Amino acid sequence: MKKFIVIVLLLSLGLLVTACNRGSDNDNADEVFSPNVAATPQPPAPQPHPGMTAPANIDPIQQTTPPDEPIPDLFPASGYYFTLSAEERYIYERFLVELDTSLFYGLSPISVAKIYVQAGIDGEWEAEFYAHNQASMEVTKQQFFENHIIDTEWSVLESRQSLANWVFPFLEDAEVLIDGDRALLVFYSVPEPDFPVEYQDLLHVLNLIMNDDGVWEMRFRPHLLLLDDE
């Protein structure tokens, strides 16, 4: 029987970047509906790749204010690249202007999630905000914007694409688990060779909700990390 340790990593892809430098969030683990995913206490955090750590003069645990200059992109190449399909790119570009999830009608949960991730990569905080199911939001638009500003003070925007190349390149091959108006996307990240053996195969989950119009939207704080310690 598989046991899963659930760790909430981020409010958005931008917060995932911040999490790599300052530690991860621990909220919302009880919201996973899949019967195969149980919320249990989180394990000690794995030590990150040397190329993913903050400079020596910045202690990401002790420092609570942003550095004088945003931390540069320190992620090594993963060998993969997260990108949108031509159709997803077309919808994404329209969504940046219209900020209306009705544009997602007919899109699969995977495509909606990819568009959401791309908004985070590009620092398009408003599109990222409106890609969420608004009924699930636990912060205001102003608070979301303030979090975005804090993230950009901590690390350069380029880090987001580099991090997405580790975490999300296999998102388009995710297993889709649907339960009514909820969907889970379960997928692997690129194996991190310098992580301990027990952290080599990391499963990730993105949570979505279908709105009353039959459109998939992102659930607030959608990203979970699952450690299979079978």
C-alpha atoms as a PDB file:
ATOM      1  CA  MET A   1       0.000   0.000   0.000  1.00  0.00           C
ATOM      2  CA  LYS A   2       1.487   3.285  -1.030  1.00  0.00           C
ATOM      3  CA  LYS A   3       2.021   5.950   1.555  1.00  0.00           C
ATOM      4  CA  PHE A   4       2.240   9.516   0.436  1.00  0.00           C
ATOM      5  CA  ILE A   5       3.765  12.435   2.217  1.00  0.00           C
ATOM      6  CA  VAL A   6       2.106  15.587   1.025  1.00  0.00           C
ATOM      7  CA  ILE A   7       3.915  18.907   0.985  1.00  0.00           C
ATOM      8  CA  VAL A   8       2.358  22.075  -0.261  1.00  0.00           C
ATOM      9  CA  LEU A   9       5.064  23.880  -2.192  1.00  0.00           C
ATOM     10  CA  LEU A  10       3.548  27.091  -3.360  1.00  0.00           C
ATOM     11  CA  LEU A  11       0.874  29.649  -3.909  1.00  0.00           C
ATOM     12  CA  SER A  12       2.008  29.942  -7.490  1.00  0.00           C
ATOM     13  CA  LEU A  13       4.956  29.103  -9.637  1.00  0.00           C
ATOM     14  CA  GLY A  14       6.471  32.338  -8.386  1.00  0.00           C
ATOM     15  CA  LEU A  15       6.147  31.134  -4.807  1.00  0.00           C
ATOM     16  CA  LEU A  16       7.782  27.869  -5.816  1.00  0.00           C
ATOM     17  CA  VAL A  17      10.824  29.887  -6.784  1.00  0.00           C
ATOM     18  CA  THR A  18      10.674  31.624  -3.439  1.00  0.00           C
ATOM     19  CA  ALA A  19      10.218  28.286  -1.705  1.00  0.00           C
ATOM     20  CA  CYS A  20      13.485  27.034  -3.136  1.00  0.00           C
ATOM     21  CA  ASN A  21      15.257  29.937  -1.494  1.00  0.00           C
ATOM     22  CA  ARG A  22      13.298  30.344   1.719  1.00  0.00           C
ATOM     23  CA  GLY A  23      11.585  26.998   2.435  1.00  0.00           C
ATOM     24  CA  SER A  24       8.208  25.638   1.301  1.00  0.00           C
ATOM     25  CA  ASP A  25       4.650  26.338   2.416  1.00  0.00           C
ATOM     26  CA  ASN A  26       2.750  23.738   4.419  1.00  0.00           C
ATOM     27  CA  ASP A  27      -0.890  24.777   3.924  1.00  0.00           C
ATOM     28  CA  ASN A  28      -3.811  23.095   2.235  1.00  0.00           C
ATOM     29  CA  ALA A  29      -2.642  19.466   2.299  1.00  0.00           C
ATOM     30  CA  ASP A  30      -6.041  18.315   3.539  1.00  0.00           C
ATOM     31  CA  GLU A  31      -7.768  19.354   0.314  1.00  0.00           C
ATOM     32  CA  VAL A  32      -6.594  16.437  -1.858  1.00  0.00           C
ATOM     33  CA  PHE A  33      -9.621  14.333  -2.791  1.00  0.00           C
ATOM     34  CA  SER A  34      -7.894  11.320  -4.335  1.00  0.00           C
ATOM     35  CA  PRO A  35      -8.360   8.188  -2.180  1.00  0.00           C
ATOM     36  CA  ASN A  36      -4.745   7.262  -2.954  1.00  0.00           C
ATOM     37  CA  VAL A  37      -3.331  10.467  -1.486  1.00  0.00           C
ATOM     38  CA  ALA A  38      -3.377  10.879   2.277  1.00  0.00           C
ATOM     39  CA  ALA A  39      -2.165  13.917   4.193  1.00  0.00           C
ATOM     40  CA  THR A  40       0.563  12.964   6.672  1.00  0.00           C
ATOM     41  CA  PRO A  41       3.295  14.923   8.460  1.00  0.00           C
ATOM     42  CA  GLN A  42       5.879  16.274   6.072  1.00  0.00           C
ATOM     43  CA  PRO A  43       9.415  14.772   6.010  1.00  0.00           C
ATOM     44  CA  PRO A  44      12.604  16.702   6.516  1.00  0.00           C
ATOM     45  CA  ALA A  45      13.141  18.857   3.439  1.00  0.00           C
ATOM     46  CA  PRO A  46      15.674  17.446   0.947  1.00  0.00           C
ATOM     47  CA  GLN A  47      18.890  19.350   0.502  1.00  0.00           C
ATOM     48  CA  PRO A  48      18.682  21.233  -2.814  1.00  0.00           C
ATOM     49  CA  HIS A  49      21.079  20.966  -5.710  1.00  0.00           C
ATOM     50  CA  PRO A  50      24.151  23.157  -5.036  1.00  0.00           C
ATOM     51  CA  GLY A  51      23.186  25.240  -8.058  1.00  0.00           C
ATOM     52  CA  MET A  52      19.772  25.911  -6.541  1.00  0.00           C
ATOM     53  CA  THR A  53      20.879  27.473  -3.274  1.00  0.00           C
ATOM     54  CA  ALA A  54      21.119  31.127  -2.355  1.00  0.00           C
ATOM     55  CA  PRO A  55      24.544  32.841  -2.362  1.00  0.00           C
ATOM     56  CA  ALA A  56      26.717  32.190   0.687  1.00  0.00           C
ATOM     57  CA  ASN A  57      25.983  35.593   2.187  1.00  0.00           C
ATOM     58  CA  ILE A  58      22.227  34.903   2.220  1.00  0.00           C
ATOM     59  CA  ASP A  59      20.789  32.422   4.701  1.00  0.00           C
ATOM     60  CA  PRO A  60      17.352  31.566   3.264  1.00  0.00           C
ATOM     61  CA  ILE A  61      16.222  30.211   6.633  1.00  0.00           C
ATOM     62  CA  GLN A  62      17.268  33.158   8.790  1.00  0.00           C
ATOM     63  CA  GLN A  63      16.771  36.067   6.430  1.00  0.00           C
ATOM     64  CA  THR A  64      13.197  37.337   6.411  1.00  0.00           C
ATOM     65  CA  THR A  65      13.663  40.399   4.204  1.00  0.00           C
ATOM     66  CA  PRO A  66      14.610  40.287   0.519  1.00  0.00           C
ATOM     67  CA  PRO A  67      18.290  40.680  -0.390  1.00  0.00           C
ATOM     68  CA  ASP A  68      19.571  43.991  -1.743  1.00  0.00           C
ATOM     69  CA  GLU A  69      19.495  42.506  -5.236  1.00  0.00           C
ATOM     70  CA  PRO A  70      17.268  39.615  -6.400  1.00  0.00           C
ATOM     71  CA  ILE A  71      19.035  36.282  -6.306  1.00  0.00           C
ATOM     72  CA  PRO A  72      20.149  35.432  -9.872  1.00  0.00           C
ATOM     73  CA  ASP A  73      19.065  32.376 -11.781  1.00  0.00           C
ATOM     74  CA  LEU A  74      21.151  29.636 -10.153  1.00  0.00           C
ATOM     75  CA  PHE A  75      19.305  26.579 -11.457  1.00  0.00           C
ATOM     76  CA  PRO A  76      21.434  24.225 -13.558  1.00  0.00           C
ATOM     77  CA  ALA A  77      20.000  23.023 -16.865  1.00  0.00           C
ATOM     78  CA  SER A  78      17.572  20.122 -16.467  1.00  0.00           C
ATOM     79  CA  GLY A  79      17.914  18.859 -20.012  1.00  0.00           C
ATOM     80  CA  TYR A  80      14.198  19.488 -20.624  1.00  0.00           C
ATOM     81  CA  TYR A  81      12.116  22.560 -21.400  1.00  0.00           C
ATOM     82  CA  PHE A  82       8.607  23.442 -20.332  1.00  0.00           C
ATOM     83  CA  THR A  83       6.655  25.023 -23.171  1.00  0.00           C
ATOM     84  CA  LEU A  84       3.124  25.451 -24.516  1.00  0.00           C
ATOM     85  CA  SER A  85       1.668  23.897 -27.643  1.00  0.00           C
ATOM     86  CA  ALA A  86       0.623  26.212 -30.481  1.00  0.00           C
ATOM     87  CA  GLU A  87      -3.035  26.008 -29.406  1.00  0.00           C
ATOM     88  CA  GLU A  88      -2.200  26.630 -25.759  1.00  0.00           C
ATOM     89  CA  ARG A  89       0.003  29.570 -26.722  1.00  0.00           C
ATOM     90  CA  TYR A  90      -2.837  31.105 -28.742  1.00  0.00           C
ATOM     91  CA  ILE A  91      -5.272  30.828 -25.810  1.00  0.00           C
ATOM     92  CA  TYR A  92      -2.593  32.052 -23.409  1.00  0.00           C
ATOM     93  CA  GLU A  93      -1.926  35.209 -25.412  1.00  0.00           C
ATOM     94  CA  ARG A  94      -5.647  35.972 -25.534  1.00  0.00           C
ATOM     95  CA  PHE A  95      -6.020  35.267 -21.842  1.00  0.00           C
ATOM     96  CA  LEU A  96      -3.303  37.786 -20.979  1.00  0.00           C
ATOM     97  CA  VAL A  97      -5.522  40.461 -22.557  1.00  0.00           C
ATOM     98  CA  GLU A  98      -9.031  39.285 -21.715  1.00  0.00           C
ATOM     99  CA  LEU A  99      -8.398  37.687 -18.291  1.00  0.00           C
ATOM    100  CA  ASP A 100     -11.499  35.558 -18.787  1.00  0.00           C
ATOM    101  CA  THR A 101     -11.440  31.818 -18.125  1.00  0.00           C
ATOM    102  CA  SER A 102     -14.294  31.304 -20.581  1.00  0.00           C
ATOM    103  CA  LEU A 103     -11.419  31.134 -23.068  1.00  0.00           C
ATOM    104  CA  PHE A 104     -10.535  27.800 -21.435  1.00  0.00           C
ATOM    105  CA  TYR A 105     -13.851  26.216 -22.475  1.00  0.00           C
ATOM    106  CA  GLY A 106     -13.133  22.855 -24.093  1.00  0.00           C
ATOM    107  CA  LEU A 107      -9.527  22.769 -22.872  1.00  0.00           C
ATOM    108  CA  SER A 108      -8.328  19.767 -20.921  1.00  0.00           C
ATOM    109  CA  PRO A 109      -7.221  20.201 -17.291  1.00  0.00           C
ATOM    110  CA  ILE A 110      -3.651  19.679 -18.496  1.00  0.00           C
ATOM    111  CA  SER A 111      -3.825  22.561 -20.969  1.00  0.00           C
ATOM    112  CA  VAL A 112      -5.379  24.878 -18.389  1.00  0.00           C
ATOM    113  CA  ALA A 113      -2.648  23.984 -15.912  1.00  0.00           C
ATOM    114  CA  LYS A 114       0.064  24.611 -18.504  1.00  0.00           C
ATOM    115  CA  ILE A 115      -1.363  28.058 -19.258  1.00  0.00           C
ATOM    116  CA  TYR A 116      -1.407  28.809 -15.524  1.00  0.00           C
ATOM    117  CA  VAL A 117       2.214  27.722 -15.157  1.00  0.00           C
ATOM    118  CA  GLN A 118       3.261  29.841 -18.135  1.00  0.00           C
ATOM    119  CA  ALA A 119       1.666  32.912 -16.554  1.00  0.00           C
ATOM    120  CA  GLY A 120       3.770  32.287 -13.464  1.00  0.00           C
ATOM    121  CA  ILE A 121       6.922  31.867 -15.537  1.00  0.00           C
ATOM    122  CA  ASP A 122       6.324  35.156 -17.328  1.00  0.00           C
ATOM    123  CA  GLY A 123       5.464  37.053 -14.162  1.00  0.00           C
ATOM    124  CA  GLU A 124       1.963  37.722 -15.485  1.00  0.00           C
ATOM    125  CA  TRP A 125       0.535  37.888 -11.971  1.00  0.00           C
ATOM    126  CA  GLU A 126      -2.894  39.157 -13.013  1.00  0.00           C
ATOM    127  CA  ALA A 127      -3.398  36.316 -15.492  1.00  0.00           C
ATOM    128  CA  GLU A 128      -2.140  33.902 -12.864  1.00  0.00           C
ATOM    129  CA  PHE A 129      -4.675  35.292 -10.370  1.00  0.00           C
ATOM    130  CA  TYR A 130      -7.628  35.063 -12.755  1.00  0.00           C
ATOM    131  CA  ALA A 131      -6.698  31.535 -13.850  1.00  0.00           C
ATOM    132  CA  HIS A 132      -7.800  30.453 -10.368  1.00  0.00           C
ATOM    133  CA  ASN A 133     -11.328  29.486  -9.492  1.00  0.00           C
ATOM    134  CA  GLN A 134     -12.304  32.693  -7.731  1.00  0.00           C
ATOM    135  CA  ALA A 135     -14.574  30.951  -5.222  1.00  0.00           C
ATOM    136  CA  SER A 136     -11.530  29.029  -3.963  1.00  0.00           C
ATOM    137  CA  MET A 137      -9.350  32.092  -3.473  1.00  0.00           C
ATOM    138  CA  GLU A 138      -8.238  32.806   0.079  1.00  0.00           C
ATOM    139  CA  VAL A 139      -6.419  36.046  -0.723  1.00  0.00           C
ATOM    140  CA  THR A 140      -7.513  39.248  -2.392  1.00  0.00           C
ATOM    141  CA  LYS A 141      -6.166  40.430  -5.719  1.00  0.00           C
ATOM    142  CA  GLN A 142      -4.135  43.079  -3.883  1.00  0.00           C
ATOM    143  CA  GLN A 143      -2.586  40.461  -1.592  1.00  0.00           C
ATOM    144  CA  PHE A 144      -1.794  38.280  -4.597  1.00  0.00           C
ATOM    145  CA  PHE A 145      -0.075  41.220  -6.261  1.00  0.00           C
ATOM    146  CA  GLU A 146       1.908  41.998  -3.099  1.00  0.00           C
ATOM    147  CA  ASN A 147       3.097  38.387  -2.956  1.00  0.00           C
ATOM    148  CA  HIS A 148       4.220  38.698  -6.566  1.00  0.00           C
ATOM    149  CA  ILE A 149       6.242  41.814  -5.726  1.00  0.00           C
ATOM    150  CA  ILE A 150       7.898  40.036  -2.795  1.00  0.00           C
ATOM    151  CA  ASP A 151       8.802  37.111  -5.049  1.00  0.00           C
ATOM    152  CA  THR A 152      10.454  39.382  -7.607  1.00  0.00           C
ATOM    153  CA  GLU A 153      12.418  41.069  -4.825  1.00  0.00           C
ATOM    154  CA  TRP A 154      13.764  37.679  -3.754  1.00  0.00           C
ATOM    155  CA  SER A 155      14.736  36.162  -7.100  1.00  0.00           C
ATOM    156  CA  VAL A 156      14.990  37.141 -10.747  1.00  0.00           C
ATOM    157  CA  LEU A 157      12.125  36.247 -13.059  1.00  0.00           C
ATOM    158  CA  GLU A 158      14.406  34.068 -15.206  1.00  0.00           C
ATOM    159  CA  SER A 159      14.564  31.565 -12.344  1.00  0.00           C
ATOM    160  CA  ARG A 160      10.947  30.642 -12.983  1.00  0.00           C
ATOM    161  CA  GLN A 161      11.575  29.174 -16.438  1.00  0.00           C
ATOM    162  CA  SER A 162      14.628  27.330 -15.141  1.00  0.00           C
ATOM    163  CA  LEU A 163      12.607  25.899 -12.257  1.00  0.00           C
ATOM    164  CA  ALA A 164       9.711  24.980 -14.563  1.00  0.00           C
ATOM    165  CA  ASN A 165      12.194  23.022 -16.673  1.00  0.00           C
ATOM    166  CA  TRP A 166      12.805  20.837 -13.603  1.00  0.00           C
ATOM    167  CA  VAL A 167       9.294  20.609 -12.200  1.00  0.00           C
ATOM    168  CA  PHE A 168       6.837  20.874 -15.108  1.00  0.00           C
ATOM    169  CA  PRO A 169       8.295  19.521 -18.395  1.00  0.00           C
ATOM    170  CA  PHE A 170       6.307  16.281 -18.036  1.00  0.00           C
ATOM    171  CA  LEU A 171       3.064  18.020 -17.060  1.00  0.00           C
ATOM    172  CA  GLU A 172       1.569  17.362 -20.500  1.00  0.00           C
ATOM    173  CA  ASP A 173       1.895  13.627 -19.793  1.00  0.00           C
ATOM    174  CA  ALA A 174       0.153  13.876 -16.412  1.00  0.00           C
ATOM    175  CA  GLU A 175      -2.340  11.278 -15.257  1.00  0.00           C
ATOM    176  CA  VAL A 176      -5.734  12.987 -14.963  1.00  0.00           C
ATOM    177  CA  LEU A 177      -7.887  11.917 -12.007  1.00  0.00           C
ATOM    178  CA  ILE A 178     -11.388  13.418 -12.097  1.00  0.00           C
ATOM    179  CA  ASP A 179     -13.938  13.272  -9.299  1.00  0.00           C
ATOM    180  CA  GLY A 180     -17.011  15.325 -10.163  1.00  0.00           C
ATOM    181  CA  ASP A 181     -15.933  18.950 -10.444  1.00  0.00           C
ATOM    182  CA  ARG A 182     -12.419  18.275  -9.137  1.00  0.00           C
ATOM    183  CA  ALA A 183      -9.384  17.133 -11.092  1.00  0.00           C
ATOM    184  CA  LEU A 184      -5.924  16.066 -10.030  1.00  0.00           C
ATOM    185  CA  LEU A 185      -2.989  16.069 -12.434  1.00  0.00           C
ATOM    186  CA  VAL A 186      -0.317  13.657 -11.258  1.00  0.00           C
ATOM    187  CA  PHE A 187       3.103  13.807 -12.934  1.00  0.00           C
ATOM    188  CA  TYR A 188       6.814  13.374 -12.298  1.00  0.00           C
ATOM    189  CA  SER A 189       9.438  16.075 -12.221  1.00  0.00           C
ATOM    190  CA  VAL A 190      12.908  15.657 -13.701  1.00  0.00           C
ATOM    191  CA  PRO A 191      14.947  13.466 -11.308  1.00  0.00           C
ATOM    192  CA  GLU A 192      17.367  15.601  -9.308  1.00  0.00           C
ATOM    193  CA  PRO A 193      20.639  13.613  -9.247  1.00  0.00           C
ATOM    194  CA  ASP A 194      22.028  15.263  -6.120  1.00  0.00           C
ATOM    195  CA  PHE A 195      18.932  14.607  -3.998  1.00  0.00           C
ATOM    196  CA  PRO A 196      19.037  11.608  -1.637  1.00  0.00           C
ATOM    197  CA  VAL A 197      17.825   8.347  -3.187  1.00  0.00           C
ATOM    198  CA  GLU A 198      14.441   8.571  -1.464  1.00  0.00           C
ATOM    199  CA  TYR A 199      13.803  11.863  -3.259  1.00  0.00           C
ATOM    200  CA  GLN A 200      14.751  10.706  -6.748  1.00  0.00           C
ATOM    201  CA  ASP A 201      11.225  10.025  -8.048  1.00  0.00           C
ATOM    202  CA  LEU A 202       9.102  12.998  -7.100  1.00  0.00           C
ATOM    203  CA  LEU A 203       5.411  12.999  -7.945  1.00  0.00           C
ATOM    204  CA  HIS A 204       3.692  16.356  -8.290  1.00  0.00           C
ATOM    205  CA  VAL A 205       0.002  17.195  -8.257  1.00  0.00           C
ATOM    206  CA  LEU A 206      -1.929  20.161  -9.573  1.00  0.00           C
ATOM    207  CA  ASN A 207      -5.518  20.667  -8.383  1.00  0.00           C
ATOM    208  CA  LEU A 208      -8.274  22.091 -10.590  1.00  0.00           C
ATOM    209  CA  ILE A 209     -11.973  22.854 -10.176  1.00  0.00           C
ATOM    210  CA  MET A 210     -14.635  22.936 -12.877  1.00  0.00           C
ATOM    211  CA  ASN A 211     -16.790  26.055 -12.627  1.00  0.00           C
ATOM    212  CA  ASP A 212     -20.537  26.264 -13.237  1.00  0.00           C
ATOM    213  CA  ASP A 213     -19.937  26.860 -16.955  1.00  0.00           C
ATOM    214  CA  GLY A 214     -18.015  23.611 -17.383  1.00  0.00           C
ATOM    215  CA  VAL A 215     -14.607  25.305 -17.527  1.00  0.00           C
ATOM    216  CA  TRP A 216     -11.579  23.975 -15.676  1.00  0.00           C
ATOM    217  CA  GLU A 217      -9.842  26.522 -13.444  1.00  0.00           C
ATOM    218  CA  MET A 218      -6.957  26.284 -11.003  1.00  0.00           C
ATOM    219  CA  ARG A 219      -7.751  25.700  -7.375  1.00  0.00           C
ATOM    220  CA  PHE A 220      -6.142  28.109  -4.895  1.00  0.00           C
ATOM    221  CA  ARG A 221      -2.630  26.893  -3.991  1.00  0.00           C
ATOM    222  CA  PRO A 222      -2.899  24.078  -6.504  1.00  0.00           C
ATOM    223  CA  HIS A 223       0.579  22.569  -6.324  1.00  0.00           C
ATOM    224  CA  LEU A 224       1.397  19.606  -4.100  1.00  0.00           C
ATOM    225  CA  LEU A 225       4.502  17.437  -3.963  1.00  0.00           C
ATOM    226  CA  LEU A 226       3.982  13.737  -3.278  1.00  0.00           C
ATOM    227  CA  LEU A 227       6.770  11.540  -1.984  1.00  0.00           C
ATOM    228  CA  ASP A 228       6.107   7.878  -2.645  1.00  0.00           C
ATOM    229  CA  ASP A 229       7.920   6.031   0.129  1.00  0.00           C
ATOM    230  CA  GLU A 230       6.609   2.612  -0.834  1.00  0.00           C
END
